[in-house]
Amino acid sequence: MLRFKKPLWNGNTGGNNFTGIRYSTGAGGAQLVLGHSQSGTIGSNVVLSNNDYIGSVEFRGADGTNYLVGAGIDALVDGNPGTNDMPGRLVFSTTADGASSPTERLRIDSSGNVGI
């Protein structure tokens, strides 16, 4: 797990807003980890179910009033998980011109199949 010594949020008007840099003599790189447990208790691990969301990344832009989702990447459970087994799929979505929410455009399932 990465530990950062400085705040990662840069609220100024220029440059990147999030930066993760790993300083290490090893070959491993920085990681962004999103996780999900079906428990409401921190530190408790309860197995997920098929179609549960594991994590999501949203890309939002200002419309003059709100920040709306223009695109997103979702990771979901794609089967029945068990000990040392977490089948997953990635879903890529974009919002069409004139639409108010994203639509699935591409899916990579746990078998490696790609659907458009």
N, C-alpha and C. Protein backbone atom coordinates (compact mmCIF):
# COMPACT_ATOMS: atom_id res chain seq x y z
N MET A 1 0.84 -1.16 0.00
CA MET A 1 0.00 0.00 0.00
C MET A 1 0.89 1.23 0.00
N LEU A 2 0.54 2.20 -0.82
CA LEU A 2 1.31 3.44 -0.89
C LEU A 2 0.94 4.37 0.25
N ARG A 3 1.89 5.06 0.75
CA ARG A 3 1.67 6.09 1.76
C ARG A 3 2.28 7.37 1.23
N PHE A 4 1.52 8.44 1.25
CA PHE A 4 1.98 9.71 0.73
C PHE A 4 2.23 10.68 1.88
N LYS A 5 3.29 11.46 1.76
CA LYS A 5 3.65 12.40 2.81
C LYS A 5 3.06 13.77 2.59
N LYS A 6 2.59 14.07 1.37
CA LYS A 6 2.01 15.37 1.06
C LYS A 6 0.57 15.18 0.61
N PRO A 7 -0.27 16.19 0.78
CA PRO A 7 -1.63 16.09 0.24
C PRO A 7 -1.58 15.93 -1.27
N LEU A 8 -2.50 15.11 -1.82
CA LEU A 8 -2.51 14.85 -3.24
C LEU A 8 -3.42 15.79 -4.01
N TRP A 9 -4.27 16.51 -3.33
CA TRP A 9 -5.21 17.41 -3.99
C TRP A 9 -4.54 18.76 -4.22
N ASN A 10 -4.54 19.20 -5.44
CA ASN A 10 -3.97 20.48 -5.80
C ASN A 10 -5.09 21.33 -6.36
N GLY A 11 -5.67 22.19 -5.55
CA GLY A 11 -6.84 22.95 -5.94
C GLY A 11 -6.54 24.23 -6.69
N ASN A 12 -5.35 24.38 -7.26
CA ASN A 12 -5.06 25.61 -7.99
C ASN A 12 -5.63 25.54 -9.40
N THR A 13 -5.43 26.58 -10.18
CA THR A 13 -6.01 26.66 -11.51
C THR A 13 -5.11 26.10 -12.60
N GLY A 14 -3.95 25.61 -12.27
CA GLY A 14 -3.06 25.04 -13.28
C GLY A 14 -2.47 23.74 -12.82
N GLY A 15 -2.00 22.95 -13.76
CA GLY A 15 -1.35 21.70 -13.42
C GLY A 15 -2.32 20.59 -13.14
N ASN A 16 -1.79 19.47 -12.69
CA ASN A 16 -2.60 18.29 -12.38
C ASN A 16 -3.27 18.44 -11.02
N ASN A 17 -4.45 17.85 -10.88
CA ASN A 17 -5.15 17.89 -9.61
C ASN A 17 -4.85 16.68 -8.74
N PHE A 18 -4.35 15.61 -9.34
CA PHE A 18 -4.00 14.42 -8.58
C PHE A 18 -2.70 13.87 -9.14
N THR A 19 -1.78 13.60 -8.26
CA THR A 19 -0.51 13.02 -8.67
C THR A 19 -0.14 11.94 -7.68
N GLY A 20 0.21 10.77 -8.19
CA GLY A 20 0.71 9.69 -7.35
C GLY A 20 2.07 9.25 -7.87
N ILE A 21 3.09 9.46 -7.10
CA ILE A 21 4.44 9.10 -7.51
C ILE A 21 5.02 8.16 -6.47
N ARG A 22 5.58 7.05 -6.93
CA ARG A 22 6.22 6.11 -6.03
C ARG A 22 7.73 6.26 -6.18
N TYR A 23 8.40 6.48 -5.08
CA TYR A 23 9.86 6.53 -5.06
C TYR A 23 10.35 5.23 -4.46
N SER A 24 10.97 4.39 -5.30
CA SER A 24 11.41 3.08 -4.85
C SER A 24 12.51 2.58 -5.77
N THR A 25 13.42 1.80 -5.22
CA THR A 25 14.46 1.19 -6.06
C THR A 25 13.95 -0.08 -6.73
N GLY A 26 12.77 -0.54 -6.38
CA GLY A 26 12.19 -1.74 -6.97
C GLY A 26 11.53 -1.46 -8.31
N ALA A 27 11.03 -2.50 -8.96
CA ALA A 27 10.43 -2.38 -10.29
C ALA A 27 8.96 -1.99 -10.24
N GLY A 28 8.31 -2.07 -9.09
CA GLY A 28 6.88 -1.79 -9.00
C GLY A 28 6.57 -0.31 -9.16
N GLY A 29 5.40 -0.04 -9.72
CA GLY A 29 4.96 1.34 -9.92
C GLY A 29 3.89 1.75 -8.92
N ALA A 30 3.44 2.97 -9.05
CA ALA A 30 2.38 3.48 -8.19
C ALA A 30 1.06 2.77 -8.51
N GLN A 31 0.19 2.68 -7.53
CA GLN A 31 -1.10 2.02 -7.72
C GLN A 31 -2.21 2.90 -7.17
N LEU A 32 -3.33 2.89 -7.85
CA LEU A 32 -4.57 3.46 -7.35
C LEU A 32 -5.47 2.26 -7.06
N VAL A 33 -5.84 2.06 -5.81
CA VAL A 33 -6.59 0.88 -5.42
C VAL A 33 -8.00 1.30 -5.00
N LEU A 34 -9.00 0.70 -5.65
CA LEU A 34 -10.40 0.88 -5.28
C LEU A 34 -10.92 -0.48 -4.86
N GLY A 35 -11.50 -0.58 -3.69
CA GLY A 35 -11.98 -1.87 -3.20
C GLY A 35 -13.39 -1.77 -2.66
N HIS A 36 -14.04 -2.91 -2.52
CA HIS A 36 -15.42 -2.95 -2.03
C HIS A 36 -15.63 -4.24 -1.25
N SER A 37 -16.24 -4.14 -0.09
CA SER A 37 -16.68 -5.28 0.71
C SER A 37 -18.16 -5.10 0.99
N GLN A 38 -18.90 -6.19 1.09
CA GLN A 38 -20.34 -6.11 1.38
C GLN A 38 -20.61 -5.93 2.87
N SER A 39 -19.64 -5.40 3.60
CA SER A 39 -19.81 -5.16 5.02
C SER A 39 -19.89 -3.66 5.27
N GLY A 40 -20.66 -3.29 6.25
CA GLY A 40 -20.74 -1.90 6.66
C GLY A 40 -19.73 -1.55 7.74
N THR A 41 -18.89 -2.51 8.10
CA THR A 41 -17.90 -2.32 9.16
C THR A 41 -16.51 -2.22 8.55
N ILE A 42 -15.80 -1.14 8.84
CA ILE A 42 -14.46 -0.94 8.31
C ILE A 42 -13.55 -2.08 8.76
N GLY A 43 -12.81 -2.65 7.82
CA GLY A 43 -11.89 -3.73 8.11
C GLY A 43 -12.50 -5.11 8.03
N SER A 44 -13.81 -5.19 7.82
CA SER A 44 -14.49 -6.47 7.72
C SER A 44 -14.66 -6.85 6.25
N ASN A 45 -14.37 -8.10 5.92
CA ASN A 45 -14.45 -8.57 4.54
C ASN A 45 -15.63 -9.50 4.37
N VAL A 46 -16.61 -9.06 3.56
CA VAL A 46 -17.76 -9.89 3.23
C VAL A 46 -17.81 -10.00 1.71
N VAL A 47 -17.95 -11.23 1.21
CA VAL A 47 -17.87 -11.52 -0.21
C VAL A 47 -18.89 -10.72 -1.03
N LEU A 48 -18.48 -10.28 -2.20
CA LEU A 48 -19.37 -9.62 -3.13
C LEU A 48 -20.18 -10.65 -3.90
N SER A 49 -21.20 -10.18 -4.63
CA SER A 49 -22.04 -11.04 -5.45
C SER A 49 -21.91 -10.65 -6.91
N ASN A 50 -22.34 -11.54 -7.79
CA ASN A 50 -22.34 -11.25 -9.22
C ASN A 50 -23.05 -9.92 -9.49
N ASN A 51 -22.46 -9.09 -10.34
CA ASN A 51 -22.96 -7.78 -10.75
C ASN A 51 -22.76 -6.67 -9.73
N ASP A 52 -22.16 -6.95 -8.58
CA ASP A 52 -21.82 -5.88 -7.63
C ASP A 52 -20.71 -5.01 -8.23
N TYR A 53 -20.76 -3.72 -7.96
CA TYR A 53 -19.69 -2.82 -8.37
C TYR A 53 -18.48 -3.02 -7.47
N ILE A 54 -17.30 -3.11 -8.09
CA ILE A 54 -16.04 -3.17 -7.35
C ILE A 54 -15.48 -1.76 -7.20
N GLY A 55 -15.54 -1.00 -8.26
CA GLY A 55 -15.06 0.38 -8.25
C GLY A 55 -15.41 1.09 -9.55
N SER A 56 -15.37 2.40 -9.52
CA SER A 56 -15.71 3.21 -10.69
C SER A 56 -14.83 4.43 -10.77
N VAL A 57 -14.60 4.87 -11.99
CA VAL A 57 -13.92 6.14 -12.24
C VAL A 57 -14.86 6.95 -13.12
N GLU A 58 -15.18 8.16 -12.69
CA GLU A 58 -16.04 9.06 -13.48
C GLU A 58 -15.24 10.25 -13.96
N PHE A 59 -15.50 10.65 -15.18
CA PHE A 59 -14.89 11.84 -15.77
C PHE A 59 -16.01 12.86 -15.92
N ARG A 60 -15.94 13.95 -15.16
CA ARG A 60 -17.01 14.95 -15.13
C ARG A 60 -16.53 16.28 -15.66
N GLY A 61 -17.44 17.00 -16.31
CA GLY A 61 -17.15 18.33 -16.82
C GLY A 61 -18.24 19.29 -16.41
N ALA A 62 -17.88 20.57 -16.27
CA ALA A 62 -18.83 21.60 -15.86
C ALA A 62 -19.70 22.01 -17.03
N ASP A 63 -21.01 22.10 -16.79
CA ASP A 63 -21.95 22.58 -17.81
C ASP A 63 -22.39 24.01 -17.54
N GLY A 64 -21.75 24.67 -16.59
CA GLY A 64 -22.13 26.02 -16.20
C GLY A 64 -22.91 26.03 -14.90
N THR A 65 -23.49 24.90 -14.53
CA THR A 65 -24.25 24.78 -13.29
C THR A 65 -23.75 23.61 -12.44
N ASN A 66 -23.56 22.46 -13.06
CA ASN A 66 -23.17 21.23 -12.37
C ASN A 66 -21.99 20.58 -13.07
N TYR A 67 -21.40 19.59 -12.39
CA TYR A 67 -20.39 18.75 -13.02
C TYR A 67 -21.08 17.45 -13.44
N LEU A 68 -21.18 17.24 -14.75
CA LEU A 68 -21.89 16.09 -15.28
C LEU A 68 -20.92 15.04 -15.80
N VAL A 69 -21.37 13.77 -15.75
CA VAL A 69 -20.53 12.67 -16.21
C VAL A 69 -20.50 12.66 -17.74
N GLY A 70 -19.29 12.77 -18.28
CA GLY A 70 -19.09 12.67 -19.72
C GLY A 70 -18.68 11.26 -20.13
N ALA A 71 -18.00 10.57 -19.22
CA ALA A 71 -17.55 9.21 -19.48
C ALA A 71 -17.23 8.53 -18.16
N GLY A 72 -17.17 7.20 -18.20
CA GLY A 72 -16.84 6.46 -16.98
C GLY A 72 -16.32 5.08 -17.28
N ILE A 73 -15.62 4.53 -16.31
CA ILE A 73 -15.14 3.15 -16.36
C ILE A 73 -15.59 2.48 -15.08
N ASP A 74 -16.32 1.39 -15.20
CA ASP A 74 -16.82 0.65 -14.05
C ASP A 74 -16.21 -0.74 -14.03
N ALA A 75 -15.84 -1.21 -12.84
CA ALA A 75 -15.41 -2.59 -12.64
C ALA A 75 -16.48 -3.29 -11.81
N LEU A 76 -16.99 -4.41 -12.33
CA LEU A 76 -18.05 -5.15 -11.66
C LEU A 76 -17.66 -6.61 -11.53
N VAL A 77 -18.28 -7.29 -10.56
CA VAL A 77 -18.12 -8.72 -10.42
C VAL A 77 -18.82 -9.40 -11.60
N ASP A 78 -18.15 -10.35 -12.23
CA ASP A 78 -18.68 -11.00 -13.43
C ASP A 78 -18.72 -12.52 -13.23
N GLY A 79 -19.47 -12.94 -12.26
CA GLY A 79 -19.58 -14.37 -11.92
C GLY A 79 -19.73 -14.52 -10.43
N ASN A 80 -19.42 -15.69 -9.93
CA ASN A 80 -19.55 -15.98 -8.51
C ASN A 80 -18.18 -16.01 -7.85
N PRO A 81 -17.86 -15.00 -7.03
CA PRO A 81 -16.56 -14.99 -6.37
C PRO A 81 -16.47 -16.02 -5.25
N GLY A 82 -15.24 -16.37 -4.95
CA GLY A 82 -14.97 -17.29 -3.85
C GLY A 82 -13.56 -17.02 -3.35
N THR A 83 -13.07 -17.86 -2.47
CA THR A 83 -11.73 -17.69 -1.92
C THR A 83 -10.70 -17.65 -3.05
N ASN A 84 -9.92 -16.57 -3.09
CA ASN A 84 -8.89 -16.36 -4.12
C ASN A 84 -9.46 -16.37 -5.54
N ASP A 85 -10.71 -15.94 -5.71
CA ASP A 85 -11.36 -15.93 -7.03
C ASP A 85 -12.30 -14.73 -7.11
N MET A 86 -11.94 -13.71 -7.90
CA MET A 86 -12.78 -12.53 -8.07
C MET A 86 -12.94 -12.25 -9.56
N PRO A 87 -13.92 -12.91 -10.22
CA PRO A 87 -14.14 -12.67 -11.65
C PRO A 87 -14.64 -11.24 -11.86
N GLY A 88 -14.03 -10.55 -12.81
CA GLY A 88 -14.40 -9.14 -13.01
C GLY A 88 -14.59 -8.79 -14.46
N ARG A 89 -15.33 -7.72 -14.68
CA ARG A 89 -15.49 -7.16 -16.02
C ARG A 89 -15.32 -5.66 -15.94
N LEU A 90 -14.89 -5.07 -17.05
CA LEU A 90 -14.78 -3.62 -17.17
C LEU A 90 -15.82 -3.14 -18.16
N VAL A 91 -16.48 -2.05 -17.80
CA VAL A 91 -17.49 -1.43 -18.65
C VAL A 91 -17.09 0.02 -18.89
N PHE A 92 -16.96 0.38 -20.17
CA PHE A 92 -16.61 1.74 -20.57
C PHE A 92 -17.87 2.42 -21.10
N SER A 93 -18.18 3.60 -20.56
CA SER A 93 -19.39 4.31 -20.95
C SER A 93 -19.08 5.74 -21.34
N THR A 94 -19.87 6.27 -22.26
CA THR A 94 -19.78 7.69 -22.64
C THR A 94 -21.18 8.27 -22.71
N THR A 95 -21.26 9.59 -22.58
CA THR A 95 -22.54 10.29 -22.67
C THR A 95 -22.64 10.93 -24.05
N ALA A 96 -23.71 10.63 -24.76
CA ALA A 96 -23.94 11.17 -26.10
C ALA A 96 -24.30 12.65 -26.02
N ASP A 97 -24.05 13.38 -27.09
CA ASP A 97 -24.44 14.78 -27.17
C ASP A 97 -25.95 14.90 -26.98
N GLY A 98 -26.36 15.74 -26.07
CA GLY A 98 -27.78 15.94 -25.78
C GLY A 98 -28.34 15.00 -24.73
N ALA A 99 -27.56 14.00 -24.30
CA ALA A 99 -28.03 13.05 -23.28
C ALA A 99 -27.61 13.54 -21.89
N SER A 100 -28.26 12.99 -20.87
CA SER A 100 -27.97 13.42 -19.50
C SER A 100 -27.21 12.38 -18.68
N SER A 101 -27.01 11.19 -19.23
CA SER A 101 -26.28 10.16 -18.48
C SER A 101 -25.52 9.26 -19.46
N PRO A 102 -24.49 8.59 -18.95
CA PRO A 102 -23.67 7.74 -19.82
C PRO A 102 -24.37 6.45 -20.24
N THR A 103 -23.93 5.93 -21.38
CA THR A 103 -24.41 4.66 -21.92
C THR A 103 -23.22 3.74 -22.13
N GLU A 104 -23.41 2.45 -21.79
CA GLU A 104 -22.33 1.48 -22.01
C GLU A 104 -21.96 1.43 -23.48
N ARG A 105 -20.65 1.51 -23.77
CA ARG A 105 -20.16 1.47 -25.15
C ARG A 105 -19.27 0.27 -25.41
N LEU A 106 -18.55 -0.18 -24.38
CA LEU A 106 -17.62 -1.29 -24.56
C LEU A 106 -17.55 -2.08 -23.25
N ARG A 107 -17.45 -3.42 -23.39
CA ARG A 107 -17.37 -4.28 -22.22
C ARG A 107 -16.30 -5.34 -22.45
N ILE A 108 -15.48 -5.55 -21.42
CA ILE A 108 -14.52 -6.66 -21.41
C ILE A 108 -14.94 -7.56 -20.26
N ASP A 109 -15.37 -8.78 -20.57
CA ASP A 109 -15.87 -9.67 -19.50
C ASP A 109 -14.75 -10.51 -18.90
N SER A 110 -15.10 -11.31 -17.92
CA SER A 110 -14.11 -12.09 -17.18
C SER A 110 -13.45 -13.18 -18.02
N SER A 111 -14.01 -13.49 -19.17
CA SER A 111 -13.42 -14.48 -20.08
C SER A 111 -12.50 -13.83 -21.11
N GLY A 112 -12.44 -12.49 -21.09
CA GLY A 112 -11.62 -11.78 -22.05
C GLY A 112 -12.37 -11.40 -23.32
N ASN A 113 -13.66 -11.69 -23.37
CA ASN A 113 -14.47 -11.30 -24.53
C ASN A 113 -14.70 -9.80 -24.52
N VAL A 114 -14.62 -9.20 -25.70
CA VAL A 114 -14.83 -7.76 -25.85
C VAL A 114 -16.12 -7.55 -26.63
N GLY A 115 -17.01 -6.75 -26.07
CA GLY A 115 -18.25 -6.42 -26.75
C GLY A 115 -18.40 -4.94 -26.93
N ILE A 116 -18.86 -4.55 -28.11
CA ILE A 116 -19.06 -3.12 -28.39
C ILE A 116 -20.53 -2.89 -28.67
